[in-house]
Amino acid sequence: MAEPVPSYLHDVASAYDDVAARYSELFATVLDRQPLERALLAAFADLVRDLGGPVADLGCGPGHVTAHLRELGLDVFGVDVSPAMVTLARGAYPQLRFDEGTMTALDLPDRSLGGVLARYSLIHTPPGDVPAVLAEVHRVLAPGGYLLLGFLATDDPATEVHAYDHRVSVAYRWPPDQLATLLSKAGLVEAARLVRAPVEEERGRQAQLLARRPPEG
């Protein structure tokens, strides 16, 4: 029997359905303005390509980053909780696979992925539910597989995780050390991190954590 979908995900899906077209327009070229993120995505692609196995872009939105990973040579597909976002992604990139789904209960076999990208898709998850999501990511990653996690960082590293007024739905800023600790508890080892100041329209410090499910043997 399928696990019930947490109630907050219904709200997130509805909120993104309402803004899907506008969101797609605003963020279609966002990577053009993010050279550091592009570099980290390229490094992620190199690591996963050497390992082999498909890559899931969780919270793929309209699919522009999924397509970018495909251009970097990855066997990648997208998953999003918003039906409207999935429809836009399929229309824009018909050569790629996009599925409706949630990060809390992925319809994927154990150890089936070489990599997972969760770019600003974990930010809407209530902090108490984050460990379960990371456990699900650990489940689907093959030994040696990588997770690249993007999120908004707190301005003060000593500040606890807290909600902020996101334009679409309630979201949370995380101290990178605190999220790294949760990754470790889920069995994922931090490999690298990037934290940078906001630019242009960004509303706070941007953070990326690269973590790995340890190889066996």
N, C-alpha and C. Protein backbone atom coordinates (compact mmCIF):
# COMPACT_ATOMS: atom_id res chain seq x y z
N MET A 1 0.84 -1.19 0.00
CA MET A 1 0.00 0.00 0.00
C MET A 1 0.88 1.25 0.00
N ALA A 2 0.53 2.21 -0.85
CA ALA A 2 1.31 3.43 -0.95
C ALA A 2 1.19 4.26 0.32
N GLU A 3 2.29 4.93 0.68
CA GLU A 3 2.28 5.79 1.84
C GLU A 3 1.40 7.01 1.56
N PRO A 4 0.63 7.49 2.56
CA PRO A 4 -0.17 8.70 2.34
C PRO A 4 0.72 9.91 2.10
N VAL A 5 0.26 10.80 1.24
CA VAL A 5 1.02 12.01 0.93
C VAL A 5 0.84 13.00 2.08
N PRO A 6 1.92 13.52 2.65
CA PRO A 6 1.78 14.51 3.73
C PRO A 6 0.95 15.71 3.28
N SER A 7 0.17 16.25 4.19
CA SER A 7 -0.77 17.32 3.82
C SER A 7 -0.06 18.55 3.28
N TYR A 8 1.13 18.85 3.79
CA TYR A 8 1.81 20.07 3.32
C TYR A 8 2.15 19.98 1.84
N LEU A 9 2.35 18.75 1.34
CA LEU A 9 2.69 18.60 -0.08
C LEU A 9 1.52 18.95 -0.99
N HIS A 10 0.30 18.71 -0.52
CA HIS A 10 -0.86 19.15 -1.31
C HIS A 10 -0.86 20.66 -1.46
N ASP A 11 -0.52 21.37 -0.39
CA ASP A 11 -0.47 22.83 -0.44
C ASP A 11 0.65 23.31 -1.37
N VAL A 12 1.81 22.66 -1.29
CA VAL A 12 2.93 23.03 -2.14
C VAL A 12 2.60 22.79 -3.61
N ALA A 13 2.01 21.64 -3.90
CA ALA A 13 1.64 21.33 -5.29
C ALA A 13 0.64 22.35 -5.83
N SER A 14 -0.37 22.67 -5.05
CA SER A 14 -1.37 23.63 -5.49
C SER A 14 -0.76 25.01 -5.72
N ALA A 15 0.13 25.42 -4.81
CA ALA A 15 0.76 26.74 -4.94
C ALA A 15 1.61 26.83 -6.20
N TYR A 16 2.36 25.78 -6.51
CA TYR A 16 3.18 25.81 -7.71
C TYR A 16 2.37 25.61 -8.98
N ASP A 17 1.27 24.88 -8.90
CA ASP A 17 0.38 24.80 -10.05
C ASP A 17 -0.09 26.20 -10.46
N ASP A 18 -0.41 27.02 -9.45
CA ASP A 18 -0.96 28.35 -9.72
C ASP A 18 0.05 29.28 -10.39
N VAL A 19 1.34 29.07 -10.15
CA VAL A 19 2.35 30.00 -10.68
C VAL A 19 3.26 29.33 -11.71
N ALA A 20 2.91 28.16 -12.18
CA ALA A 20 3.83 27.37 -12.99
C ALA A 20 4.33 28.12 -14.22
N ALA A 21 3.44 28.72 -14.97
CA ALA A 21 3.86 29.40 -16.21
C ALA A 21 4.78 30.58 -15.91
N ARG A 22 4.41 31.38 -14.92
CA ARG A 22 5.23 32.53 -14.56
C ARG A 22 6.57 32.09 -14.01
N TYR A 23 6.57 31.08 -13.19
CA TYR A 23 7.81 30.55 -12.61
C TYR A 23 8.75 30.08 -13.73
N SER A 24 8.19 29.38 -14.71
CA SER A 24 9.00 28.90 -15.82
C SER A 24 9.66 30.05 -16.56
N GLU A 25 8.93 31.13 -16.77
CA GLU A 25 9.48 32.30 -17.46
C GLU A 25 10.60 32.95 -16.65
N LEU A 26 10.41 33.07 -15.35
CA LEU A 26 11.37 33.76 -14.49
C LEU A 26 12.68 33.00 -14.34
N PHE A 27 12.60 31.66 -14.30
CA PHE A 27 13.78 30.88 -13.94
C PHE A 27 14.36 30.08 -15.11
N ALA A 28 13.86 30.28 -16.30
CA ALA A 28 14.35 29.51 -17.45
C ALA A 28 15.85 29.70 -17.69
N THR A 29 16.36 30.89 -17.41
CA THR A 29 17.77 31.19 -17.67
C THR A 29 18.55 31.44 -16.38
N VAL A 30 18.05 30.96 -15.25
CA VAL A 30 18.68 31.28 -13.97
C VAL A 30 20.12 30.79 -13.90
N LEU A 31 20.43 29.66 -14.51
CA LEU A 31 21.80 29.14 -14.45
C LEU A 31 22.79 30.05 -15.18
N ASP A 32 22.30 30.85 -16.12
CA ASP A 32 23.18 31.79 -16.81
C ASP A 32 23.78 32.80 -15.84
N ARG A 33 23.09 33.04 -14.73
CA ARG A 33 23.53 34.03 -13.73
C ARG A 33 24.18 33.37 -12.52
N GLN A 34 24.45 32.07 -12.61
CA GLN A 34 24.98 31.34 -11.46
C GLN A 34 26.22 30.52 -11.86
N PRO A 35 27.34 31.18 -12.09
CA PRO A 35 28.53 30.44 -12.53
C PRO A 35 29.04 29.43 -11.51
N LEU A 36 28.93 29.73 -10.22
CA LEU A 36 29.40 28.79 -9.22
C LEU A 36 28.53 27.54 -9.19
N GLU A 37 27.23 27.72 -9.29
CA GLU A 37 26.33 26.57 -9.33
C GLU A 37 26.55 25.73 -10.59
N ARG A 38 26.80 26.40 -11.71
CA ARG A 38 27.08 25.65 -12.94
C ARG A 38 28.32 24.79 -12.77
N ALA A 39 29.33 25.35 -12.12
CA ALA A 39 30.57 24.59 -11.91
C ALA A 39 30.32 23.38 -11.02
N LEU A 40 29.51 23.56 -9.98
CA LEU A 40 29.23 22.44 -9.07
C LEU A 40 28.36 21.39 -9.77
N LEU A 41 27.42 21.82 -10.59
CA LEU A 41 26.63 20.86 -11.37
C LEU A 41 27.53 20.08 -12.32
N ALA A 42 28.52 20.74 -12.91
CA ALA A 42 29.43 20.04 -13.81
C ALA A 42 30.26 19.01 -13.05
N ALA A 43 30.71 19.38 -11.84
CA ALA A 43 31.47 18.43 -11.02
C ALA A 43 30.59 17.25 -10.61
N PHE A 44 29.35 17.55 -10.22
CA PHE A 44 28.39 16.49 -9.88
C PHE A 44 28.21 15.54 -11.07
N ALA A 45 28.05 16.12 -12.26
CA ALA A 45 27.88 15.30 -13.46
C ALA A 45 29.09 14.42 -13.72
N ASP A 46 30.29 14.97 -13.54
CA ASP A 46 31.50 14.17 -13.73
C ASP A 46 31.56 12.99 -12.76
N LEU A 47 31.24 13.24 -11.50
CA LEU A 47 31.29 12.20 -10.48
C LEU A 47 30.27 11.09 -10.77
N VAL A 48 29.05 11.49 -11.12
CA VAL A 48 27.98 10.52 -11.35
C VAL A 48 28.22 9.77 -12.65
N ARG A 49 28.71 10.46 -13.66
CA ARG A 49 28.97 9.80 -14.94
C ARG A 49 29.99 8.69 -14.78
N ASP A 50 31.01 8.92 -13.96
CA ASP A 50 32.01 7.89 -13.71
C ASP A 50 31.41 6.69 -12.99
N LEU A 51 30.44 6.95 -12.12
CA LEU A 51 29.80 5.88 -11.36
C LEU A 51 28.83 5.08 -12.23
N GLY A 52 28.09 5.79 -13.10
CA GLY A 52 27.05 5.17 -13.91
C GLY A 52 25.72 5.18 -13.17
N GLY A 53 24.67 4.82 -13.87
CA GLY A 53 23.33 4.80 -13.28
C GLY A 53 22.58 6.08 -13.57
N PRO A 54 21.25 6.02 -13.57
CA PRO A 54 20.44 7.20 -13.85
C PRO A 54 20.47 8.20 -12.70
N VAL A 55 20.04 9.42 -13.01
CA VAL A 55 20.00 10.51 -12.05
C VAL A 55 18.58 11.05 -11.98
N ALA A 56 18.09 11.30 -10.78
CA ALA A 56 16.76 11.90 -10.58
C ALA A 56 16.92 13.35 -10.16
N ASP A 57 16.23 14.24 -10.86
CA ASP A 57 16.14 15.65 -10.48
C ASP A 57 14.84 15.81 -9.71
N LEU A 58 14.94 15.83 -8.38
CA LEU A 58 13.75 15.85 -7.53
C LEU A 58 13.32 17.30 -7.30
N GLY A 59 12.06 17.57 -7.58
CA GLY A 59 11.58 18.95 -7.56
C GLY A 59 12.07 19.68 -8.80
N CYS A 60 11.89 19.04 -9.94
CA CYS A 60 12.49 19.52 -11.19
C CYS A 60 11.83 20.77 -11.74
N GLY A 61 10.62 21.11 -11.25
CA GLY A 61 9.94 22.28 -11.78
C GLY A 61 9.72 22.16 -13.28
N PRO A 62 9.96 23.25 -14.03
CA PRO A 62 9.71 23.20 -15.48
C PRO A 62 10.79 22.51 -16.28
N GLY A 63 11.79 21.91 -15.61
CA GLY A 63 12.71 21.01 -16.30
C GLY A 63 13.98 21.61 -16.86
N HIS A 64 14.24 22.90 -16.61
CA HIS A 64 15.41 23.51 -17.24
C HIS A 64 16.72 22.97 -16.70
N VAL A 65 16.77 22.65 -15.40
CA VAL A 65 18.01 22.09 -14.86
C VAL A 65 18.15 20.61 -15.25
N THR A 66 17.04 19.91 -15.33
CA THR A 66 17.07 18.53 -15.83
C THR A 66 17.70 18.50 -17.22
N ALA A 67 17.26 19.42 -18.07
CA ALA A 67 17.81 19.49 -19.43
C ALA A 67 19.29 19.85 -19.41
N HIS A 68 19.68 20.72 -18.48
CA HIS A 68 21.10 21.08 -18.36
C HIS A 68 21.94 19.85 -18.00
N LEU A 69 21.45 19.04 -17.09
CA LEU A 69 22.17 17.82 -16.72
C LEU A 69 22.26 16.86 -17.90
N ARG A 70 21.20 16.80 -18.71
CA ARG A 70 21.26 15.95 -19.91
C ARG A 70 22.35 16.44 -20.86
N GLU A 71 22.47 17.76 -20.98
CA GLU A 71 23.52 18.32 -21.83
C GLU A 71 24.91 18.00 -21.31
N LEU A 72 25.00 17.77 -20.00
CA LEU A 72 26.27 17.37 -19.39
C LEU A 72 26.53 15.88 -19.50
N GLY A 73 25.63 15.17 -20.19
CA GLY A 73 25.88 13.77 -20.49
C GLY A 73 25.27 12.77 -19.55
N LEU A 74 24.33 13.20 -18.69
CA LEU A 74 23.73 12.28 -17.73
C LEU A 74 22.43 11.68 -18.24
N ASP A 75 22.17 10.47 -17.82
CA ASP A 75 20.88 9.81 -18.04
C ASP A 75 19.96 10.28 -16.92
N VAL A 76 19.21 11.34 -17.17
CA VAL A 76 18.50 12.04 -16.10
C VAL A 76 17.01 12.10 -16.39
N PHE A 77 16.21 12.08 -15.31
CA PHE A 77 14.78 12.29 -15.42
C PHE A 77 14.34 13.19 -14.27
N GLY A 78 13.17 13.83 -14.43
CA GLY A 78 12.69 14.76 -13.43
C GLY A 78 11.46 14.24 -12.70
N VAL A 79 11.32 14.66 -11.45
CA VAL A 79 10.17 14.33 -10.62
C VAL A 79 9.69 15.61 -9.95
N ASP A 80 8.39 15.85 -9.98
CA ASP A 80 7.87 17.04 -9.30
C ASP A 80 6.48 16.75 -8.75
N VAL A 81 6.15 17.40 -7.63
CA VAL A 81 4.86 17.20 -6.99
C VAL A 81 3.75 17.99 -7.68
N SER A 82 4.13 18.99 -8.50
CA SER A 82 3.16 19.85 -9.17
C SER A 82 2.81 19.31 -10.56
N PRO A 83 1.56 18.90 -10.79
CA PRO A 83 1.18 18.43 -12.12
C PRO A 83 1.40 19.47 -13.20
N ALA A 84 1.16 20.74 -12.89
CA ALA A 84 1.34 21.79 -13.89
C ALA A 84 2.81 21.93 -14.28
N MET A 85 3.70 21.80 -13.31
CA MET A 85 5.13 21.87 -13.62
C MET A 85 5.54 20.70 -14.50
N VAL A 86 5.04 19.52 -14.20
CA VAL A 86 5.39 18.34 -15.00
C VAL A 86 4.89 18.52 -16.44
N THR A 87 3.69 19.06 -16.59
CA THR A 87 3.15 19.31 -17.93
C THR A 87 4.03 20.28 -18.71
N LEU A 88 4.46 21.37 -18.06
CA LEU A 88 5.34 22.33 -18.72
C LEU A 88 6.67 21.68 -19.11
N ALA A 89 7.23 20.89 -18.20
CA ALA A 89 8.51 20.25 -18.49
C ALA A 89 8.41 19.28 -19.67
N ARG A 90 7.35 18.51 -19.69
CA ARG A 90 7.17 17.57 -20.80
C ARG A 90 7.00 18.30 -22.12
N GLY A 91 6.31 19.44 -22.09
CA GLY A 91 6.13 20.21 -23.31
C GLY A 91 7.42 20.84 -23.80
N ALA A 92 8.23 21.33 -22.86
CA ALA A 92 9.47 22.02 -23.23
C ALA A 92 10.58 21.05 -23.63
N TYR A 93 10.58 19.86 -23.02
CA TYR A 93 11.67 18.90 -23.25
C TYR A 93 11.07 17.52 -23.50
N PRO A 94 10.42 17.33 -24.64
CA PRO A 94 9.72 16.06 -24.90
C PRO A 94 10.65 14.86 -24.99
N GLN A 95 11.94 15.10 -25.16
CA GLN A 95 12.90 13.99 -25.24
C GLN A 95 13.27 13.44 -23.88
N LEU A 96 12.85 14.13 -22.80
CA LEU A 96 13.20 13.72 -21.45
C LEU A 96 11.98 13.17 -20.72
N ARG A 97 12.23 12.44 -19.68
CA ARG A 97 11.17 11.84 -18.86
C ARG A 97 10.90 12.72 -17.63
N PHE A 98 9.62 12.99 -17.39
CA PHE A 98 9.21 13.74 -16.20
C PHE A 98 8.00 13.03 -15.58
N ASP A 99 8.08 12.81 -14.27
CA ASP A 99 7.03 12.10 -13.55
C ASP A 99 6.49 12.95 -12.40
N GLU A 100 5.21 12.78 -12.12
CA GLU A 100 4.65 13.35 -10.89
C GLU A 100 5.06 12.44 -9.73
N GLY A 101 5.46 13.04 -8.63
CA GLY A 101 5.85 12.24 -7.48
C GLY A 101 6.31 13.12 -6.34
N THR A 102 6.61 12.50 -5.22
CA THR A 102 7.04 13.22 -4.03
C THR A 102 8.38 12.69 -3.55
N MET A 103 9.11 13.55 -2.85
CA MET A 103 10.38 13.16 -2.28
C MET A 103 10.21 12.26 -1.06
N THR A 104 9.01 12.20 -0.52
CA THR A 104 8.77 11.40 0.67
C THR A 104 8.54 9.93 0.36
N ALA A 105 8.16 9.61 -0.87
CA ALA A 105 7.87 8.22 -1.25
C ALA A 105 8.14 8.07 -2.74
N LEU A 106 9.40 7.90 -3.10
CA LEU A 106 9.77 7.80 -4.51
C LEU A 106 9.40 6.42 -5.07
N ASP A 107 8.83 6.43 -6.25
CA ASP A 107 8.45 5.19 -6.91
C ASP A 107 9.66 4.64 -7.67
N LEU A 108 10.69 4.29 -6.90
CA LEU A 108 11.96 3.84 -7.46
C LEU A 108 12.49 2.67 -6.63
N PRO A 109 13.17 1.73 -7.26
CA PRO A 109 13.75 0.62 -6.50
C PRO A 109 14.90 1.08 -5.61
N ASP A 110 15.19 0.28 -4.60
CA ASP A 110 16.35 0.52 -3.76
C ASP A 110 17.62 0.53 -4.61
N ARG A 111 18.55 1.43 -4.26
CA ARG A 111 19.89 1.46 -4.86
C ARG A 111 19.87 1.57 -6.38
N SER A 112 18.92 2.27 -6.92
CA SER A 112 18.74 2.30 -8.37
C SER A 112 19.34 3.52 -9.05
N LEU A 113 19.79 4.52 -8.29
CA LEU A 113 20.24 5.78 -8.88
C LEU A 113 21.72 6.02 -8.64
N GLY A 114 22.37 6.57 -9.65
CA GLY A 114 23.74 7.01 -9.47
C GLY A 114 23.84 8.38 -8.84
N GLY A 115 22.77 9.17 -8.98
CA GLY A 115 22.79 10.51 -8.42
C GLY A 115 21.40 11.06 -8.21
N VAL A 116 21.31 12.01 -7.28
CA VAL A 116 20.07 12.73 -7.01
C VAL A 116 20.40 14.21 -6.93
N LEU A 117 19.65 15.01 -7.66
CA LEU A 117 19.70 16.46 -7.53
C LEU A 117 18.43 16.92 -6.83
N ALA A 118 18.58 17.68 -5.75
CA ALA A 118 17.44 18.27 -5.06
C ALA A 118 17.74 19.75 -4.91
N ARG A 119 17.49 20.48 -5.97
CA ARG A 119 17.87 21.89 -6.05
C ARG A 119 16.72 22.76 -5.55
N TYR A 120 16.82 23.23 -4.33
CA TYR A 120 15.82 24.09 -3.70
C TYR A 120 14.45 23.43 -3.62
N SER A 121 14.41 22.12 -3.63
CA SER A 121 13.14 21.40 -3.52
C SER A 121 12.87 20.93 -2.10
N LEU A 122 13.92 20.87 -1.27
CA LEU A 122 13.74 20.47 0.12
C LEU A 122 13.28 21.64 0.99
N ILE A 123 13.35 22.86 0.46
CA ILE A 123 13.11 24.05 1.30
C ILE A 123 11.67 24.13 1.81
N HIS A 124 10.72 23.48 1.14
CA HIS A 124 9.33 23.53 1.58
C HIS A 124 8.97 22.42 2.56
N THR A 125 9.92 21.55 2.85
CA THR A 125 9.66 20.44 3.76
C THR A 125 9.79 20.91 5.21
N PRO A 126 8.78 20.72 6.04
CA PRO A 126 8.92 21.07 7.45
C PRO A 126 10.14 20.39 8.05
N PRO A 127 10.91 21.08 8.88
CA PRO A 127 12.16 20.52 9.40
C PRO A 127 12.02 19.13 10.01
N GLY A 128 10.92 18.87 10.69
CA GLY A 128 10.74 17.56 11.31
C GLY A 128 10.59 16.43 10.31
N ASP A 129 10.23 16.76 9.06
CA ASP A 129 10.06 15.74 8.03
C ASP A 129 11.30 15.54 7.17
N VAL A 130 12.29 16.41 7.32
CA VAL A 130 13.49 16.32 6.48
C VAL A 130 14.25 15.00 6.67
N PRO A 131 14.43 14.49 7.89
CA PRO A 131 15.15 13.22 8.02
C PRO A 131 14.52 12.08 7.21
N ALA A 132 13.20 12.04 7.13
CA ALA A 132 12.53 10.99 6.36
C ALA A 132 12.82 11.14 4.87
N VAL A 133 12.87 12.38 4.39
CA VAL A 133 13.20 12.61 2.97
C VAL A 133 14.63 12.17 2.68
N LEU A 134 15.56 12.53 3.56
CA LEU A 134 16.95 12.14 3.35
C LEU A 134 17.12 10.63 3.43
N ALA A 135 16.34 9.98 4.28
CA ALA A 135 16.38 8.51 4.34
C ALA A 135 15.89 7.91 3.03
N GLU A 136 14.89 8.54 2.42
CA GLU A 136 14.38 8.05 1.13
C GLU A 136 15.43 8.25 0.03
N VAL A 137 16.14 9.37 0.07
CA VAL A 137 17.22 9.59 -0.89
C VAL A 137 18.31 8.52 -0.71
N HIS A 138 18.67 8.26 0.53
CA HIS A 138 19.66 7.21 0.80
C HIS A 138 19.20 5.86 0.26
N ARG A 139 17.92 5.57 0.40
CA ARG A 139 17.38 4.29 -0.06
C ARG A 139 17.57 4.10 -1.55
N VAL A 140 17.31 5.14 -2.33
CA VAL A 140 17.33 4.99 -3.79
C VAL A 140 18.72 5.18 -4.39
N LEU A 141 19.65 5.76 -3.64
CA LEU A 141 21.01 5.91 -4.16
C LEU A 141 21.76 4.59 -4.11
N ALA A 142 22.46 4.29 -5.17
CA ALA A 142 23.36 3.15 -5.16
C ALA A 142 24.57 3.48 -4.28
N PRO A 143 25.22 2.48 -3.69
CA PRO A 143 26.47 2.74 -2.97
C PRO A 143 27.45 3.49 -3.86
N GLY A 144 28.01 4.56 -3.33
CA GLY A 144 28.90 5.41 -4.11
C GLY A 144 28.19 6.54 -4.82
N GLY A 145 26.84 6.55 -4.80
CA GLY A 145 26.07 7.58 -5.50
C GLY A 145 26.09 8.91 -4.76
N TYR A 146 25.79 9.98 -5.50
CA TYR A 146 25.90 11.34 -4.97
C TYR A 146 24.54 12.04 -4.91
N LEU A 147 24.42 12.88 -3.90
CA LEU A 147 23.31 13.82 -3.76
C LEU A 147 23.87 15.23 -3.81
N LEU A 148 23.26 16.09 -4.65
CA LEU A 148 23.57 17.52 -4.65
C LEU A 148 22.33 18.25 -4.19
N LEU A 149 22.44 18.92 -3.05
CA LEU A 149 21.31 19.53 -2.38
C LEU A 149 21.49 21.04 -2.35
N GLY A 150 20.51 21.78 -2.93
CA GLY A 150 20.55 23.23 -2.91
C GLY A 150 19.49 23.79 -1.98
N PHE A 151 19.83 24.85 -1.24
CA PHE A 151 18.89 25.42 -0.28
C PHE A 151 19.30 26.85 0.06
N LEU A 152 18.46 27.55 0.80
CA LEU A 152 18.79 28.87 1.30
C LEU A 152 19.36 28.73 2.71
N ALA A 153 20.52 29.36 2.92
CA ALA A 153 21.19 29.27 4.21
C ALA A 153 20.78 30.43 5.11
N THR A 154 20.82 30.19 6.39
CA THR A 154 20.61 31.26 7.36
C THR A 154 21.74 32.28 7.24
N ASP A 155 21.44 33.54 7.54
CA ASP A 155 22.46 34.58 7.47
C ASP A 155 23.52 34.41 8.55
N ASP A 156 23.11 33.91 9.70
CA ASP A 156 24.02 33.65 10.81
C ASP A 156 24.13 32.14 10.99
N PRO A 157 25.33 31.58 10.86
CA PRO A 157 25.46 30.12 10.99
C PRO A 157 24.97 29.58 12.33
N ALA A 158 24.93 30.43 13.35
CA ALA A 158 24.49 29.97 14.66
C ALA A 158 22.97 29.97 14.80
N THR A 159 22.27 30.56 13.84
CA THR A 159 20.81 30.63 13.88
C THR A 159 20.21 29.27 13.56
N GLU A 160 19.13 28.93 14.24
CA GLU A 160 18.44 27.67 13.97
C GLU A 160 17.66 27.77 12.66
N VAL A 161 17.30 26.61 12.11
CA VAL A 161 16.44 26.58 10.93
C VAL A 161 15.17 27.37 11.22
N HIS A 162 14.72 28.16 10.25
CA HIS A 162 13.51 28.96 10.48
C HIS A 162 12.77 29.20 9.18
N ALA A 163 11.46 29.40 9.30
CA ALA A 163 10.62 29.69 8.15
C ALA A 163 10.82 31.12 7.70
N TYR A 164 10.58 31.37 6.42
CA TYR A 164 10.62 32.73 5.90
C TYR A 164 9.51 32.88 4.86
N ASP A 165 9.26 34.08 4.46
CA ASP A 165 8.15 34.39 3.56
C ASP A 165 8.54 34.15 2.11
N HIS A 166 8.47 32.90 1.69
CA HIS A 166 8.74 32.54 0.30
C HIS A 166 7.61 33.05 -0.58
N ARG A 167 7.91 33.38 -1.84
CA ARG A 167 6.89 33.96 -2.72
C ARG A 167 5.80 32.97 -3.11
N VAL A 168 6.09 31.69 -3.04
CA VAL A 168 5.11 30.70 -3.49
C VAL A 168 4.48 29.95 -2.32
N SER A 169 5.29 29.40 -1.43
CA SER A 169 4.79 28.60 -0.33
C SER A 169 5.76 28.70 0.84
N VAL A 170 5.31 28.35 2.03
CA VAL A 170 6.17 28.42 3.21
C VAL A 170 7.46 27.64 2.96
N ALA A 171 8.59 28.25 3.30
CA ALA A 171 9.89 27.62 3.08
C ALA A 171 10.79 27.89 4.27
N TYR A 172 11.92 27.19 4.30
CA TYR A 172 12.79 27.22 5.48
C TYR A 172 14.23 27.46 5.06
N ARG A 173 14.91 28.32 5.84
CA ARG A 173 16.35 28.53 5.71
C ARG A 173 17.06 27.62 6.71
N TRP A 174 18.19 27.05 6.28
CA TRP A 174 18.92 26.10 7.12
C TRP A 174 20.35 26.57 7.37
N PRO A 175 20.86 26.41 8.59
CA PRO A 175 22.31 26.50 8.80
C PRO A 175 22.97 25.31 8.10
N PRO A 176 23.94 25.52 7.25
CA PRO A 176 24.54 24.39 6.52
C PRO A 176 25.05 23.28 7.43
N ASP A 177 25.63 23.64 8.57
CA ASP A 177 26.13 22.60 9.47
C ASP A 177 25.00 21.71 9.99
N GLN A 178 23.84 22.31 10.26
CA GLN A 178 22.72 21.53 10.78
C GLN A 178 22.19 20.56 9.73
N LEU A 179 22.09 21.02 8.49
CA LEU A 179 21.62 20.13 7.43
C LEU A 179 22.66 19.05 7.13
N ALA A 180 23.94 19.41 7.21
CA ALA A 180 25.00 18.42 7.01
C ALA A 180 24.94 17.33 8.07
N THR A 181 24.59 17.71 9.30
CA THR A 181 24.44 16.71 10.37
C THR A 181 23.32 15.74 10.05
N LEU A 182 22.20 16.25 9.52
CA LEU A 182 21.10 15.36 9.16
C LEU A 182 21.49 14.43 8.01
N LEU A 183 22.27 14.94 7.07
CA LEU A 183 22.76 14.08 5.99
C LEU A 183 23.59 12.93 6.58
N SER A 184 24.46 13.26 7.53
CA SER A 184 25.30 12.23 8.15
C SER A 184 24.45 11.19 8.87
N LYS A 185 23.43 11.63 9.58
CA LYS A 185 22.56 10.69 10.29
C LYS A 185 21.80 9.79 9.33
N ALA A 186 21.56 10.27 8.09
CA ALA A 186 20.88 9.47 7.08
C ALA A 186 21.83 8.53 6.35
N GLY A 187 23.11 8.56 6.71
CA GLY A 187 24.07 7.67 6.07
C GLY A 187 24.75 8.26 4.85
N LEU A 188 24.70 9.59 4.71
CA LEU A 188 25.30 10.28 3.57
C LEU A 188 26.47 11.13 4.07
N VAL A 189 27.61 11.02 3.41
CA VAL A 189 28.83 11.68 3.85
C VAL A 189 29.05 12.94 3.03
N GLU A 190 29.23 14.07 3.71
CA GLU A 190 29.47 15.33 3.00
C GLU A 190 30.79 15.26 2.24
N ALA A 191 30.75 15.67 0.98
CA ALA A 191 31.95 15.69 0.14
C ALA A 191 32.41 17.12 -0.14
N ALA A 192 31.46 18.06 -0.21
CA ALA A 192 31.82 19.45 -0.51
C ALA A 192 30.62 20.33 -0.17
N ARG A 193 30.89 21.62 0.00
CA ARG A 193 29.80 22.57 0.18
C ARG A 193 30.17 23.91 -0.45
N LEU A 194 29.14 24.65 -0.83
CA LEU A 194 29.28 25.99 -1.38
C LEU A 194 28.26 26.87 -0.68
N VAL A 195 28.71 27.97 -0.11
CA VAL A 195 27.82 28.97 0.46
C VAL A 195 28.27 30.32 -0.08
N ARG A 196 27.35 31.06 -0.66
CA ARG A 196 27.72 32.34 -1.26
C ARG A 196 26.69 33.42 -0.92
N ALA A 197 27.12 34.65 -1.09
CA ALA A 197 26.24 35.80 -0.86
C ALA A 197 25.21 35.89 -1.98
N PRO A 198 24.05 36.49 -1.69
CA PRO A 198 23.04 36.65 -2.74
C PRO A 198 23.45 37.69 -3.77
N VAL A 199 22.94 37.52 -4.98
CA VAL A 199 23.14 38.50 -6.05
C VAL A 199 21.79 38.83 -6.68
N GLU A 200 21.72 39.99 -7.29
CA GLU A 200 20.54 40.42 -8.04
C GLU A 200 19.25 40.18 -7.25
N GLU A 201 18.37 39.34 -7.79
CA GLU A 201 17.03 39.19 -7.20
C GLU A 201 16.99 38.19 -6.05
N GLU A 202 18.09 37.55 -5.71
CA GLU A 202 18.10 36.53 -4.67
C GLU A 202 17.84 37.15 -3.30
N ARG A 203 17.20 36.37 -2.44
CA ARG A 203 16.72 36.90 -1.16
C ARG A 203 17.52 36.45 0.05
N GLY A 204 18.64 35.80 -0.16
CA GLY A 204 19.45 35.36 0.97
C GLY A 204 20.62 34.53 0.49
N ARG A 205 21.44 34.09 1.45
CA ARG A 205 22.61 33.30 1.10
C ARG A 205 22.20 31.97 0.46
N GLN A 206 22.92 31.62 -0.58
CA GLN A 206 22.63 30.40 -1.34
C GLN A 206 23.64 29.32 -0.95
N ALA A 207 23.16 28.11 -0.73
CA ALA A 207 24.03 27.03 -0.27
C ALA A 207 23.81 25.76 -1.08
N GLN A 208 24.88 25.01 -1.24
CA GLN A 208 24.85 23.71 -1.90
C GLN A 208 25.66 22.74 -1.06
N LEU A 209 25.13 21.56 -0.84
CA LEU A 209 25.85 20.48 -0.17
C LEU A 209 25.94 19.29 -1.11
N LEU A 210 27.13 18.80 -1.31
CA LEU A 210 27.35 17.58 -2.08
C LEU A 210 27.67 16.46 -1.11
N ALA A 211 26.88 15.41 -1.15
CA ALA A 211 27.07 14.28 -0.25
C ALA A 211 27.05 12.98 -1.01
N ARG A 212 27.57 11.93 -0.38
CA ARG A 212 27.71 10.64 -1.06
C ARG A 212 27.26 9.52 -0.15
N ARG A 213 26.55 8.55 -0.73
CA ARG A 213 26.34 7.28 -0.02
C ARG A 213 27.64 6.50 -0.14
N PRO A 214 28.26 6.13 0.98
CA PRO A 214 29.57 5.48 0.91
C PRO A 214 29.53 4.19 0.10
N PRO A 215 30.59 3.94 -0.66
CA PRO A 215 30.69 2.65 -1.37
C PRO A 215 30.78 1.52 -0.37
N GLU A 216 30.44 0.35 -0.82
CA GLU A 216 30.54 -0.83 0.04
C GLU A 216 31.82 -1.59 -0.25
N GLY A 217 32.30 -2.26 0.78
CA GLY A 217 33.48 -3.10 0.59
C GLY A 217 34.79 -2.34 0.74
